[in-house]
């Protein structure tokens, strides 16, 4: 067996603290030494942990999966592999190996923005994440997120629609699609973006695995952006990791009375950067000093949507937050029929949307 196999085997030992595994590898001198170690050499582990390690060592399924690696459409990379992402080695306890599927022609010098936020987000949060990620994609900035519902999915989709590369960090195995609603997005990212995880292929979504996943999002990113988060939110775990790792954090503010914005607004009070537009993110990334030689230019705001005067008037009444049609029509010096007709035309052009209850909102 080679070093790649021992790293592969260690990726299955998810019930043992990663710190203990690394400490043991360092004490014994190698992953191979840990694999062949006797019980008396593994006093660092509890009796239950040792029994689990031995169980994983004797598991024939792991060996079979290893032997079939060449047949898979994903690749496994140990931390000693030259293709292993160098940023992960900045972690005190990096994954022994990762599973990756997606495009291989990734520019390692591209700036990376990590986007996190609420799963049960509002339309406002979803549209803000989508718009910002789409512009970042257009500018060649990589967007990394967790491929979860809500803000994560909107961020990945926006970057793809902007023609960019986006990377999804899973808290499950690479063959486990979670949540199911992101199935099509998952398939598209395997072709046009990338999927990465430190967990074995069929690992199910267990709560204890997701916080560990968040440290990978933050270490791979050069800047972390939070779009909607409750005061006690999993997204704030990523923020804590980011601050420990020396990354800057930005926040899209929300209404003070909105529970989904409390975590974001608290971060603003504590000194996080206020992000209102994609341009703010670009400026924060370029001003961080991490990309002195980066040729990416700060994007110019395109305020000309090619609208006729009356269309501009109607469009100016809309916001990213949905408004009821009656409230919009009351602001217009137009007949009700003409106002509805213009709203319909703007919707056809794709710059506004309507939800099933006749609430309209901007998407550009």
Foldseek 3Di string as FASTA:
>chain_A
DDQLLLLLLVLALVVDDLVLLVVLCVVQVHSVSVLPDDPVSSPSDDPVSVVSSVVSSPDVVSVVCVVCQVVDQKHKDAPPRPLPLPLQVLDPRGRRIKIKFADDPQDSLAAEEEEDADQPDALLLLLQLLQLLLVCLLLAHEYEYALAHDSRLSNLVSNVNNVHAYEHEYLFALQDDPPPVCVVVSVVNSYRYMYMYSHHHGGDDDPVSVLVSLLVSLSSHQEYEYRWAALDGSVVSSVVSNVVSVHAYEYAADDPVDRRRVNRVVVVVVPHHHDDHSLSVVCCRCVVPPCVPDPRDRDDDDPCPPDDPVLVVLQVLAASHWDALVVSVVVDPDDSVVSVVSLVVCVVVPQKDADPRRTIHGSD
